[in-house]
Amino acid sequence: MFEIGAGYGRWGMRAWKAAKVCGIEEPEIVCVEAEPQHAEWIKLHFENNGVPTKNLTIIEAAISGKNGEADFFVQWPGWTREKSAREWYGQALAKSPWEGAQSIKVKTISVESLFAPYQDKIIDLIDIDIQGEEEFIVPATNNYLEKIKMIHIGTHSDAAEKEIKKFFESKKWFCANYYKSGELYNTEFGKIKFGDGVQTWINPKLYET
């Protein structure tokens, strides 16, 4: 399982626990996170839950169109770095001015470089929450789709929602969830007002295997 934009790895940890319950002896979790404090917390989070280091890979970088370096917002305007890391999880590549916000230089990694070491493996789940970059990053997974069972995405704009939907429909993937950002929906859990949007897409060729 890949958690891209992992924060402290809450979904990666839940995936590991779920895999163990299902009898998978050696679940592999890959967490991609650019915020330095959050990346450190991923390590502590998994250690505190007894996950062997061999089951976790932490990639401290922002997913991007290329390998290199980029400015990355890490501090909310008027907050300290510590408070921003603890109470805010909207850190993102700094592509436009944001008055009062602070950024740092972080490493970037391309989709190709991220998935290359795993090209011979089936990926059960990819969770993506990357603050607007999803519109560009999701289509870049095209060459790896035959090895991916499911992709779950947090969306952050109407344009991203439309482009991602168009992409997966062209691949004939099955849509399990489609909730637009800012909208109120009746769900199986009751009425929910979505902040980020949510899309879940399933590869029909792998889902039952």
N, C-alpha and C. Protein backbone atom coordinates (compact mmCIF):
# COMPACT_ATOMS: atom_id res chain seq x y z
N MET A 1 0.84 -1.18 0.00
CA MET A 1 0.00 0.00 0.00
C MET A 1 0.88 1.23 0.00
N PHE A 2 0.53 2.22 -0.85
CA PHE A 2 1.21 3.51 -0.88
C PHE A 2 0.29 4.57 -0.27
N GLU A 3 0.83 5.36 0.64
CA GLU A 3 0.14 6.55 1.12
C GLU A 3 0.96 7.75 0.68
N ILE A 4 0.43 8.49 -0.28
CA ILE A 4 1.15 9.61 -0.88
C ILE A 4 0.55 10.91 -0.36
N GLY A 5 1.38 11.68 0.35
CA GLY A 5 0.87 12.81 1.13
C GLY A 5 0.40 12.23 2.46
N ALA A 6 1.35 11.59 3.16
CA ALA A 6 0.98 10.66 4.24
C ALA A 6 0.70 11.32 5.58
N GLY A 7 1.10 12.59 5.78
CA GLY A 7 0.98 13.12 7.13
C GLY A 7 1.80 12.26 8.08
N TYR A 8 1.16 11.76 9.14
CA TYR A 8 1.87 10.87 10.07
C TYR A 8 1.60 9.40 9.77
N GLY A 9 1.00 9.12 8.62
CA GLY A 9 0.82 7.74 8.19
C GLY A 9 -0.39 7.05 8.75
N ARG A 10 -1.47 7.79 9.01
CA ARG A 10 -2.63 7.16 9.64
C ARG A 10 -3.29 6.11 8.75
N TRP A 11 -3.36 6.36 7.44
CA TRP A 11 -4.00 5.38 6.56
C TRP A 11 -3.05 4.22 6.26
N GLY A 12 -1.77 4.49 6.19
CA GLY A 12 -0.80 3.41 6.03
C GLY A 12 -0.83 2.45 7.20
N MET A 13 -0.95 3.01 8.40
CA MET A 13 -1.02 2.18 9.60
C MET A 13 -2.30 1.34 9.60
N ARG A 14 -3.42 1.96 9.24
CA ARG A 14 -4.68 1.22 9.20
C ARG A 14 -4.63 0.11 8.15
N ALA A 15 -3.97 0.39 7.03
CA ALA A 15 -3.82 -0.64 6.00
C ALA A 15 -2.99 -1.80 6.51
N TRP A 16 -1.92 -1.49 7.26
CA TRP A 16 -1.08 -2.55 7.81
C TRP A 16 -1.87 -3.42 8.78
N LYS A 17 -2.63 -2.77 9.67
CA LYS A 17 -3.44 -3.50 10.64
C LYS A 17 -4.48 -4.36 9.93
N ALA A 18 -5.15 -3.79 8.92
CA ALA A 18 -6.17 -4.54 8.19
C ALA A 18 -5.56 -5.74 7.47
N ALA A 19 -4.38 -5.54 6.88
CA ALA A 19 -3.71 -6.64 6.18
C ALA A 19 -3.38 -7.78 7.15
N LYS A 20 -2.92 -7.43 8.35
CA LYS A 20 -2.60 -8.46 9.34
C LYS A 20 -3.84 -9.23 9.74
N VAL A 21 -4.96 -8.52 9.92
CA VAL A 21 -6.21 -9.19 10.27
C VAL A 21 -6.63 -10.16 9.17
N CYS A 22 -6.33 -9.81 7.92
CA CYS A 22 -6.69 -10.65 6.78
C CYS A 22 -5.69 -11.78 6.54
N GLY A 23 -4.68 -11.89 7.41
CA GLY A 23 -3.76 -13.00 7.30
C GLY A 23 -2.55 -12.76 6.41
N ILE A 24 -2.33 -11.51 6.02
CA ILE A 24 -1.14 -11.18 5.23
C ILE A 24 0.02 -11.00 6.19
N GLU A 25 1.01 -11.88 6.09
CA GLU A 25 2.07 -11.92 7.10
C GLU A 25 3.04 -10.75 6.98
N GLU A 26 3.35 -10.31 5.78
CA GLU A 26 4.34 -9.26 5.60
C GLU A 26 3.80 -8.12 4.73
N PRO A 27 2.87 -7.33 5.27
CA PRO A 27 2.36 -6.19 4.50
C PRO A 27 3.50 -5.18 4.26
N GLU A 28 3.51 -4.60 3.09
CA GLU A 28 4.49 -3.56 2.77
C GLU A 28 3.77 -2.22 2.65
N ILE A 29 4.22 -1.26 3.42
CA ILE A 29 3.62 0.09 3.40
C ILE A 29 4.69 1.09 2.97
N VAL A 30 4.35 1.92 1.99
CA VAL A 30 5.24 2.98 1.53
C VAL A 30 4.56 4.31 1.80
N CYS A 31 5.19 5.15 2.61
CA CYS A 31 4.65 6.47 2.94
C CYS A 31 5.51 7.55 2.29
N VAL A 32 4.87 8.43 1.55
CA VAL A 32 5.55 9.54 0.89
C VAL A 32 5.09 10.84 1.55
N GLU A 33 6.02 11.57 2.16
CA GLU A 33 5.67 12.78 2.90
C GLU A 33 6.84 13.75 2.89
N ALA A 34 6.56 15.01 2.53
CA ALA A 34 7.62 16.01 2.40
C ALA A 34 7.85 16.84 3.66
N GLU A 35 6.85 16.97 4.51
CA GLU A 35 7.00 17.79 5.71
C GLU A 35 7.89 17.05 6.71
N PRO A 36 9.04 17.62 7.08
CA PRO A 36 10.02 16.87 7.88
C PRO A 36 9.50 16.34 9.21
N GLN A 37 8.73 17.15 9.93
CA GLN A 37 8.22 16.69 11.22
C GLN A 37 7.23 15.54 11.03
N HIS A 38 6.37 15.66 10.03
CA HIS A 38 5.42 14.59 9.76
C HIS A 38 6.13 13.30 9.38
N ALA A 39 7.18 13.41 8.57
CA ALA A 39 7.95 12.22 8.18
C ALA A 39 8.55 11.53 9.40
N GLU A 40 9.03 12.31 10.36
CA GLU A 40 9.56 11.74 11.59
C GLU A 40 8.46 11.07 12.40
N TRP A 41 7.28 11.68 12.41
CA TRP A 41 6.15 11.09 13.15
C TRP A 41 5.69 9.78 12.53
N ILE A 42 5.80 9.64 11.21
CA ILE A 42 5.45 8.35 10.59
C ILE A 42 6.29 7.24 11.22
N LYS A 43 7.59 7.47 11.31
CA LYS A 43 8.49 6.48 11.90
C LYS A 43 8.08 6.14 13.33
N LEU A 44 7.81 7.15 14.14
CA LEU A 44 7.41 6.94 15.53
C LEU A 44 6.06 6.22 15.61
N HIS A 45 5.14 6.62 14.76
CA HIS A 45 3.81 6.02 14.73
C HIS A 45 3.89 4.51 14.50
N PHE A 46 4.68 4.10 13.51
CA PHE A 46 4.80 2.69 13.20
C PHE A 46 5.60 1.94 14.27
N GLU A 47 6.62 2.58 14.81
CA GLU A 47 7.37 1.96 15.90
C GLU A 47 6.47 1.72 17.11
N ASN A 48 5.66 2.71 17.46
CA ASN A 48 4.79 2.61 18.62
C ASN A 48 3.73 1.53 18.46
N ASN A 49 3.43 1.16 17.21
CA ASN A 49 2.45 0.12 16.95
C ASN A 49 3.09 -1.22 16.62
N GLY A 50 4.39 -1.31 16.85
CA GLY A 50 5.07 -2.59 16.72
C GLY A 50 5.29 -3.07 15.30
N VAL A 51 5.32 -2.15 14.34
CA VAL A 51 5.52 -2.54 12.95
C VAL A 51 7.02 -2.68 12.68
N PRO A 52 7.47 -3.84 12.18
CA PRO A 52 8.89 -4.02 11.88
C PRO A 52 9.36 -3.02 10.82
N THR A 53 10.58 -2.56 10.95
CA THR A 53 11.10 -1.58 10.00
C THR A 53 11.11 -2.12 8.57
N LYS A 54 11.22 -3.44 8.40
CA LYS A 54 11.25 -4.02 7.06
C LYS A 54 9.91 -3.88 6.35
N ASN A 55 8.83 -3.60 7.10
CA ASN A 55 7.51 -3.47 6.50
C ASN A 55 7.17 -2.04 6.10
N LEU A 56 8.04 -1.09 6.41
CA LEU A 56 7.74 0.32 6.17
C LEU A 56 8.87 0.98 5.40
N THR A 57 8.50 1.71 4.36
CA THR A 57 9.44 2.58 3.64
C THR A 57 8.92 4.00 3.72
N ILE A 58 9.76 4.91 4.19
CA ILE A 58 9.40 6.33 4.26
C ILE A 58 10.20 7.07 3.20
N ILE A 59 9.51 7.76 2.31
CA ILE A 59 10.17 8.57 1.30
C ILE A 59 9.88 10.03 1.64
N GLU A 60 10.90 10.73 2.11
CA GLU A 60 10.71 12.13 2.52
C GLU A 60 10.88 13.03 1.29
N ALA A 61 9.79 13.23 0.59
CA ALA A 61 9.81 14.02 -0.64
C ALA A 61 8.38 14.37 -1.02
N ALA A 62 8.24 15.35 -1.89
CA ALA A 62 6.95 15.69 -2.47
C ALA A 62 6.83 15.04 -3.83
N ILE A 63 5.70 14.41 -4.11
CA ILE A 63 5.48 13.84 -5.43
C ILE A 63 5.34 14.97 -6.43
N SER A 64 5.98 14.82 -7.58
CA SER A 64 6.02 15.92 -8.54
C SER A 64 6.21 15.35 -9.94
N GLY A 65 6.31 16.24 -10.91
CA GLY A 65 6.52 15.80 -12.28
C GLY A 65 7.93 15.36 -12.56
N LYS A 66 8.86 15.69 -11.67
CA LYS A 66 10.26 15.34 -11.90
C LYS A 66 11.01 15.23 -10.59
N ASN A 67 12.13 14.55 -10.62
CA ASN A 67 13.02 14.49 -9.46
C ASN A 67 13.77 15.81 -9.35
N GLY A 68 13.97 16.27 -8.12
CA GLY A 68 14.71 17.51 -7.94
C GLY A 68 14.43 18.13 -6.60
N GLU A 69 14.08 19.40 -6.62
CA GLU A 69 13.88 20.17 -5.39
C GLU A 69 12.83 21.24 -5.68
N ALA A 70 12.05 21.58 -4.66
CA ALA A 70 11.01 22.59 -4.85
C ALA A 70 10.70 23.26 -3.52
N ASP A 71 10.09 24.44 -3.60
CA ASP A 71 9.61 25.13 -2.41
C ASP A 71 8.31 24.46 -1.94
N PHE A 72 8.18 24.34 -0.62
CA PHE A 72 7.06 23.60 -0.04
C PHE A 72 6.56 24.34 1.19
N PHE A 73 5.28 24.71 1.19
CA PHE A 73 4.71 25.42 2.34
C PHE A 73 4.64 24.50 3.55
N VAL A 74 5.23 24.94 4.67
CA VAL A 74 5.20 24.13 5.90
C VAL A 74 4.64 24.89 7.10
N GLN A 75 4.42 26.18 6.96
CA GLN A 75 4.00 26.97 8.11
C GLN A 75 2.83 27.87 7.76
N TRP A 76 1.74 27.68 8.47
CA TRP A 76 0.53 28.49 8.30
C TRP A 76 0.82 29.93 8.71
N PRO A 77 0.27 30.92 7.99
CA PRO A 77 0.52 32.32 8.35
C PRO A 77 0.19 32.62 9.80
N GLY A 78 1.17 33.18 10.53
CA GLY A 78 0.97 33.55 11.92
C GLY A 78 1.19 32.44 12.93
N TRP A 79 1.40 31.21 12.47
CA TRP A 79 1.64 30.09 13.37
C TRP A 79 3.13 29.78 13.45
N THR A 80 3.51 29.03 14.47
CA THR A 80 4.88 28.53 14.55
C THR A 80 5.00 27.26 13.72
N ARG A 81 6.23 26.84 13.42
CA ARG A 81 6.44 25.58 12.70
C ARG A 81 5.87 24.41 13.50
N GLU A 82 6.07 24.43 14.82
CA GLU A 82 5.58 23.33 15.66
C GLU A 82 4.06 23.23 15.61
N LYS A 83 3.38 24.37 15.76
CA LYS A 83 1.92 24.35 15.73
C LYS A 83 1.41 23.95 14.34
N SER A 84 2.08 24.44 13.31
CA SER A 84 1.66 24.10 11.94
C SER A 84 1.76 22.61 11.69
N ALA A 85 2.85 21.99 12.13
CA ALA A 85 3.03 20.55 11.94
C ALA A 85 1.99 19.76 12.72
N ARG A 86 1.66 20.25 13.92
CA ARG A 86 0.76 19.50 14.81
C ARG A 86 -0.70 19.65 14.41
N GLU A 87 -1.12 20.83 13.98
CA GLU A 87 -2.53 21.11 13.82
C GLU A 87 -2.99 21.30 12.38
N TRP A 88 -2.07 21.27 11.44
CA TRP A 88 -2.43 21.55 10.04
C TRP A 88 -1.82 20.48 9.15
N TYR A 89 -2.63 19.96 8.21
CA TYR A 89 -2.14 18.94 7.29
C TYR A 89 -2.43 19.32 5.84
N GLY A 90 -2.29 20.63 5.54
CA GLY A 90 -2.49 21.11 4.18
C GLY A 90 -1.20 21.54 3.51
N GLN A 91 -0.07 21.07 4.00
CA GLN A 91 1.23 21.42 3.41
C GLN A 91 1.24 21.06 1.93
N ALA A 92 1.87 21.92 1.13
CA ALA A 92 1.78 21.72 -0.33
C ALA A 92 2.94 22.40 -1.04
N LEU A 93 3.17 21.99 -2.27
CA LEU A 93 4.15 22.67 -3.11
C LEU A 93 3.76 24.13 -3.27
N ALA A 94 4.74 25.00 -3.15
CA ALA A 94 4.49 26.44 -3.17
C ALA A 94 4.55 26.94 -4.62
N LYS A 95 3.43 26.85 -5.31
CA LYS A 95 3.38 27.23 -6.72
C LYS A 95 2.85 28.63 -6.95
N SER A 96 2.29 29.22 -5.92
CA SER A 96 1.78 30.60 -6.03
C SER A 96 1.99 31.30 -4.70
N PRO A 97 2.04 32.65 -4.68
CA PRO A 97 2.29 33.38 -3.44
C PRO A 97 1.21 33.13 -2.39
N TRP A 98 1.63 33.10 -1.13
CA TRP A 98 0.70 32.97 -0.01
C TRP A 98 1.24 33.86 1.11
N GLU A 99 0.63 35.00 1.27
CA GLU A 99 1.14 36.01 2.21
C GLU A 99 1.20 35.46 3.63
N GLY A 100 2.36 35.55 4.24
CA GLY A 100 2.56 35.14 5.62
C GLY A 100 2.93 33.69 5.81
N ALA A 101 2.73 32.87 4.80
CA ALA A 101 3.09 31.45 4.92
C ALA A 101 4.58 31.28 4.69
N GLN A 102 5.16 30.27 5.34
CA GLN A 102 6.58 30.00 5.21
C GLN A 102 6.82 28.70 4.44
N SER A 103 7.83 28.71 3.62
CA SER A 103 8.16 27.53 2.84
C SER A 103 9.62 27.12 3.06
N ILE A 104 9.91 25.88 2.73
CA ILE A 104 11.28 25.37 2.78
C ILE A 104 11.54 24.61 1.48
N LYS A 105 12.80 24.33 1.21
CA LYS A 105 13.16 23.50 0.07
C LYS A 105 13.03 22.03 0.47
N VAL A 106 12.35 21.25 -0.38
CA VAL A 106 12.23 19.81 -0.13
C VAL A 106 12.59 19.06 -1.41
N LYS A 107 12.91 17.79 -1.26
CA LYS A 107 13.16 16.94 -2.42
C LYS A 107 11.83 16.64 -3.11
N THR A 108 11.88 16.46 -4.42
CA THR A 108 10.72 16.00 -5.17
C THR A 108 11.05 14.67 -5.84
N ILE A 109 10.03 13.87 -6.04
CA ILE A 109 10.20 12.57 -6.68
C ILE A 109 9.11 12.39 -7.72
N SER A 110 9.46 11.87 -8.87
CA SER A 110 8.50 11.66 -9.94
C SER A 110 7.75 10.35 -9.71
N VAL A 111 6.61 10.22 -10.37
CA VAL A 111 5.84 8.98 -10.31
C VAL A 111 6.69 7.81 -10.80
N GLU A 112 7.43 8.03 -11.86
CA GLU A 112 8.26 6.97 -12.42
C GLU A 112 9.29 6.48 -11.41
N SER A 113 9.97 7.40 -10.74
CA SER A 113 10.98 7.02 -9.76
C SER A 113 10.36 6.36 -8.53
N LEU A 114 9.15 6.80 -8.17
CA LEU A 114 8.48 6.23 -7.02
C LEU A 114 8.11 4.77 -7.24
N PHE A 115 7.55 4.47 -8.40
CA PHE A 115 7.03 3.13 -8.65
C PHE A 115 8.04 2.17 -9.26
N ALA A 116 9.14 2.68 -9.78
CA ALA A 116 10.11 1.82 -10.46
C ALA A 116 10.56 0.62 -9.62
N PRO A 117 10.85 0.79 -8.32
CA PRO A 117 11.30 -0.38 -7.54
C PRO A 117 10.22 -1.43 -7.32
N TYR A 118 8.95 -1.08 -7.63
CA TYR A 118 7.83 -1.98 -7.34
C TYR A 118 7.12 -2.45 -8.61
N GLN A 119 7.74 -2.26 -9.76
CA GLN A 119 7.06 -2.54 -11.01
C GLN A 119 6.73 -4.02 -11.21
N ASP A 120 7.38 -4.90 -10.46
CA ASP A 120 7.09 -6.33 -10.57
C ASP A 120 6.11 -6.82 -9.51
N LYS A 121 5.56 -5.88 -8.72
CA LYS A 121 4.65 -6.25 -7.65
C LYS A 121 3.25 -5.69 -7.92
N ILE A 122 2.25 -6.37 -7.36
CA ILE A 122 0.90 -5.85 -7.38
C ILE A 122 0.74 -4.88 -6.21
N ILE A 123 0.20 -3.72 -6.48
CA ILE A 123 -0.07 -2.73 -5.44
C ILE A 123 -1.56 -2.80 -5.11
N ASP A 124 -1.89 -3.13 -3.88
CA ASP A 124 -3.29 -3.30 -3.49
C ASP A 124 -4.04 -1.98 -3.40
N LEU A 125 -3.38 -0.96 -2.88
CA LEU A 125 -4.06 0.31 -2.65
C LEU A 125 -3.08 1.47 -2.70
N ILE A 126 -3.49 2.54 -3.36
CA ILE A 126 -2.77 3.81 -3.30
C ILE A 126 -3.72 4.86 -2.76
N ASP A 127 -3.32 5.51 -1.69
CA ASP A 127 -4.08 6.62 -1.10
C ASP A 127 -3.33 7.91 -1.43
N ILE A 128 -4.02 8.87 -2.06
CA ILE A 128 -3.39 10.10 -2.52
C ILE A 128 -4.10 11.31 -1.92
N ASP A 129 -3.34 12.14 -1.22
CA ASP A 129 -3.87 13.41 -0.69
C ASP A 129 -2.75 14.44 -0.79
N ILE A 130 -2.70 15.13 -1.93
CA ILE A 130 -1.53 15.96 -2.23
C ILE A 130 -1.90 17.40 -2.60
N GLN A 131 -2.99 17.88 -2.03
CA GLN A 131 -3.32 19.31 -2.01
C GLN A 131 -3.29 19.98 -3.39
N GLY A 132 -3.98 19.37 -4.35
CA GLY A 132 -4.13 19.98 -5.65
C GLY A 132 -3.27 19.41 -6.75
N GLU A 133 -2.21 18.67 -6.37
CA GLU A 133 -1.34 18.07 -7.38
C GLU A 133 -1.95 16.82 -8.01
N GLU A 134 -3.05 16.33 -7.42
CA GLU A 134 -3.65 15.08 -7.91
C GLU A 134 -4.07 15.15 -9.38
N GLU A 135 -4.47 16.33 -9.82
CA GLU A 135 -4.90 16.50 -11.22
C GLU A 135 -3.79 16.12 -12.20
N PHE A 136 -2.54 16.33 -11.78
CA PHE A 136 -1.39 16.06 -12.66
C PHE A 136 -0.74 14.72 -12.36
N ILE A 137 -0.76 14.30 -11.11
CA ILE A 137 -0.05 13.09 -10.70
C ILE A 137 -0.82 11.83 -11.03
N VAL A 138 -2.14 11.84 -10.85
CA VAL A 138 -2.92 10.62 -11.11
C VAL A 138 -2.77 10.15 -12.56
N PRO A 139 -2.89 11.01 -13.58
CA PRO A 139 -2.68 10.52 -14.95
C PRO A 139 -1.27 9.98 -15.19
N ALA A 140 -0.31 10.44 -14.40
CA ALA A 140 1.07 9.98 -14.57
C ALA A 140 1.26 8.54 -14.11
N THR A 141 0.25 7.96 -13.44
CA THR A 141 0.32 6.56 -13.05
C THR A 141 -0.05 5.62 -14.20
N ASN A 142 -0.34 6.17 -15.35
CA ASN A 142 -0.88 5.41 -16.48
C ASN A 142 -0.08 4.14 -16.79
N ASN A 143 1.24 4.24 -16.79
CA ASN A 143 2.08 3.09 -17.16
C ASN A 143 2.11 1.99 -16.11
N TYR A 144 1.52 2.25 -14.94
CA TYR A 144 1.57 1.29 -13.84
C TYR A 144 0.19 0.72 -13.49
N LEU A 145 -0.85 1.16 -14.20
CA LEU A 145 -2.22 0.81 -13.82
C LEU A 145 -2.49 -0.69 -13.84
N GLU A 146 -1.81 -1.42 -14.69
CA GLU A 146 -2.04 -2.86 -14.75
C GLU A 146 -1.61 -3.58 -13.48
N LYS A 147 -0.81 -2.91 -12.65
CA LYS A 147 -0.31 -3.51 -11.41
C LYS A 147 -0.99 -2.95 -10.17
N ILE A 148 -1.98 -2.07 -10.36
CA ILE A 148 -2.64 -1.40 -9.24
C ILE A 148 -4.08 -1.86 -9.13
N LYS A 149 -4.50 -2.26 -7.93
CA LYS A 149 -5.88 -2.71 -7.73
C LYS A 149 -6.85 -1.56 -7.47
N MET A 150 -6.43 -0.61 -6.64
CA MET A 150 -7.36 0.45 -6.22
C MET A 150 -6.60 1.74 -5.95
N ILE A 151 -7.20 2.87 -6.34
CA ILE A 151 -6.64 4.19 -6.03
C ILE A 151 -7.72 5.03 -5.37
N HIS A 152 -7.39 5.57 -4.20
CA HIS A 152 -8.31 6.40 -3.41
C HIS A 152 -7.71 7.80 -3.33
N ILE A 153 -8.48 8.82 -3.72
CA ILE A 153 -7.93 10.16 -3.93
C ILE A 153 -8.73 11.22 -3.19
N GLY A 154 -8.02 12.10 -2.49
CA GLY A 154 -8.61 13.33 -1.98
C GLY A 154 -8.47 14.41 -3.04
N THR A 155 -9.58 15.02 -3.45
CA THR A 155 -9.54 16.04 -4.50
C THR A 155 -9.76 17.43 -3.92
N HIS A 156 -9.22 18.44 -4.64
CA HIS A 156 -9.19 19.78 -4.07
C HIS A 156 -9.69 20.87 -5.01
N SER A 157 -10.25 20.47 -6.14
CA SER A 157 -10.81 21.46 -7.06
C SER A 157 -11.75 20.77 -8.03
N ASP A 158 -12.65 21.56 -8.59
CA ASP A 158 -13.59 21.03 -9.57
C ASP A 158 -12.84 20.51 -10.80
N ALA A 159 -11.80 21.24 -11.20
CA ALA A 159 -11.02 20.82 -12.37
C ALA A 159 -10.36 19.47 -12.15
N ALA A 160 -9.79 19.28 -10.95
CA ALA A 160 -9.15 18.00 -10.64
C ALA A 160 -10.16 16.87 -10.64
N GLU A 161 -11.33 17.11 -10.06
CA GLU A 161 -12.36 16.08 -10.01
C GLU A 161 -12.77 15.63 -11.42
N LYS A 162 -12.95 16.59 -12.30
CA LYS A 162 -13.36 16.26 -13.67
C LYS A 162 -12.27 15.52 -14.43
N GLU A 163 -11.03 15.97 -14.30
CA GLU A 163 -9.93 15.36 -15.03
C GLU A 163 -9.66 13.93 -14.57
N ILE A 164 -9.71 13.72 -13.26
CA ILE A 164 -9.47 12.37 -12.72
C ILE A 164 -10.58 11.42 -13.14
N LYS A 165 -11.82 11.89 -13.06
CA LYS A 165 -12.96 11.07 -13.49
C LYS A 165 -12.83 10.70 -14.97
N LYS A 166 -12.49 11.67 -15.78
CA LYS A 166 -12.32 11.43 -17.22
C LYS A 166 -11.20 10.41 -17.47
N PHE A 167 -10.11 10.53 -16.73
CA PHE A 167 -8.97 9.62 -16.89
C PHE A 167 -9.36 8.18 -16.59
N PHE A 168 -9.99 7.95 -15.44
CA PHE A 168 -10.30 6.58 -15.05
C PHE A 168 -11.43 5.99 -15.90
N GLU A 169 -12.37 6.81 -16.32
CA GLU A 169 -13.42 6.31 -17.19
C GLU A 169 -12.83 5.85 -18.53
N SER A 170 -11.80 6.56 -19.00
CA SER A 170 -11.16 6.16 -20.25
C SER A 170 -10.44 4.82 -20.12
N LYS A 171 -10.07 4.47 -18.89
CA LYS A 171 -9.40 3.19 -18.62
C LYS A 171 -10.39 2.09 -18.25
N LYS A 172 -11.67 2.48 -18.19
CA LYS A 172 -12.74 1.54 -17.84
C LYS A 172 -12.59 0.97 -16.44
N TRP A 173 -12.09 1.78 -15.53
CA TRP A 173 -12.04 1.41 -14.12
C TRP A 173 -13.42 1.65 -13.51
N PHE A 174 -13.70 0.94 -12.42
CA PHE A 174 -14.98 1.06 -11.72
C PHE A 174 -14.90 2.13 -10.64
N CYS A 175 -15.91 3.00 -10.61
CA CYS A 175 -15.95 4.07 -9.60
C CYS A 175 -16.72 3.60 -8.38
N ALA A 176 -16.03 3.47 -7.25
CA ALA A 176 -16.66 3.03 -6.00
C ALA A 176 -17.17 4.21 -5.18
N ASN A 177 -16.49 5.36 -5.27
CA ASN A 177 -16.91 6.57 -4.56
C ASN A 177 -16.66 7.79 -5.43
N TYR A 178 -17.61 8.73 -5.40
CA TYR A 178 -17.39 9.99 -6.10
C TYR A 178 -18.14 11.08 -5.34
N TYR A 179 -17.40 11.85 -4.56
CA TYR A 179 -17.97 12.93 -3.77
C TYR A 179 -17.21 14.21 -4.10
N LYS A 180 -17.92 15.25 -4.48
CA LYS A 180 -17.29 16.51 -4.85
C LYS A 180 -16.97 17.33 -3.61
N SER A 181 -15.88 18.09 -3.67
CA SER A 181 -15.49 18.92 -2.54
C SER A 181 -16.53 19.99 -2.26
N GLY A 182 -16.79 20.22 -0.97
CA GLY A 182 -17.72 21.26 -0.54
C GLY A 182 -19.19 20.90 -0.63
N GLU A 183 -19.50 19.66 -1.02
CA GLU A 183 -20.90 19.26 -1.21
C GLU A 183 -21.38 18.41 -0.04
N LEU A 184 -22.71 18.43 0.17
CA LEU A 184 -23.36 17.62 1.20
C LEU A 184 -23.97 16.38 0.54
N TYR A 185 -23.68 15.20 1.09
CA TYR A 185 -24.18 13.95 0.52
C TYR A 185 -24.82 13.09 1.60
N ASN A 186 -25.84 12.36 1.19
CA ASN A 186 -26.35 11.27 2.02
C ASN A 186 -25.50 10.04 1.73
N THR A 187 -24.83 9.51 2.75
CA THR A 187 -23.98 8.34 2.59
C THR A 187 -24.49 7.23 3.49
N GLU A 188 -23.85 6.07 3.39
CA GLU A 188 -24.23 4.95 4.25
C GLU A 188 -23.96 5.25 5.72
N PHE A 189 -23.18 6.30 6.00
CA PHE A 189 -22.87 6.69 7.37
C PHE A 189 -23.69 7.91 7.82
N GLY A 190 -24.65 8.32 6.99
CA GLY A 190 -25.45 9.51 7.27
C GLY A 190 -25.04 10.67 6.38
N LYS A 191 -25.54 11.87 6.68
CA LYS A 191 -25.21 13.04 5.89
C LYS A 191 -23.80 13.53 6.22
N ILE A 192 -23.02 13.76 5.17
CA ILE A 192 -21.64 14.22 5.35
C ILE A 192 -21.39 15.41 4.43
N LYS A 193 -20.85 16.48 5.00
CA LYS A 193 -20.41 17.63 4.21
C LYS A 193 -18.92 17.44 3.95
N PHE A 194 -18.56 17.27 2.69
CA PHE A 194 -17.18 16.98 2.32
C PHE A 194 -16.38 18.27 2.19
N GLY A 195 -15.21 18.30 2.85
CA GLY A 195 -14.26 19.39 2.66
C GLY A 195 -13.49 19.11 1.38
N ASP A 196 -12.49 18.22 1.46
CA ASP A 196 -11.90 17.67 0.25
C ASP A 196 -12.92 16.77 -0.42
N GLY A 197 -12.82 16.65 -1.74
CA GLY A 197 -13.62 15.65 -2.43
C GLY A 197 -12.99 14.27 -2.25
N VAL A 198 -13.72 13.24 -2.62
CA VAL A 198 -13.23 11.87 -2.49
C VAL A 198 -13.60 11.09 -3.75
N GLN A 199 -12.62 10.42 -4.33
CA GLN A 199 -12.88 9.48 -5.42
C GLN A 199 -12.13 8.18 -5.14
N THR A 200 -12.81 7.05 -5.37
CA THR A 200 -12.19 5.74 -5.24
C THR A 200 -12.42 4.98 -6.53
N TRP A 201 -11.33 4.52 -7.15
CA TRP A 201 -11.40 3.83 -8.43
C TRP A 201 -10.76 2.45 -8.32
N ILE A 202 -11.42 1.45 -8.92
CA ILE A 202 -11.02 0.06 -8.80
C ILE A 202 -10.71 -0.51 -10.18
N ASN A 203 -9.59 -1.21 -10.26
CA ASN A 203 -9.18 -1.88 -11.48
C ASN A 203 -9.96 -3.19 -11.61
N PRO A 204 -10.92 -3.30 -12.55
CA PRO A 204 -11.75 -4.50 -12.62
C PRO A 204 -10.97 -5.75 -13.00
N LYS A 205 -9.80 -5.59 -13.60
CA LYS A 205 -9.00 -6.75 -14.00
C LYS A 205 -8.28 -7.41 -12.83
N LEU A 206 -8.12 -6.64 -11.72
CA LEU A 206 -7.38 -7.17 -10.57
C LEU A 206 -8.21 -7.30 -9.31
N TYR A 207 -9.37 -6.69 -9.29
CA TYR A 207 -10.10 -6.56 -8.03
C TYR A 207 -10.46 -7.92 -7.41
N GLU A 208 -10.76 -8.90 -8.21
CA GLU A 208 -11.19 -10.20 -7.67
C GLU A 208 -10.03 -11.19 -7.53
N THR A 209 -8.81 -10.76 -7.85
CA THR A 209 -7.67 -11.69 -7.79
C THR A 209 -6.90 -11.52 -6.49
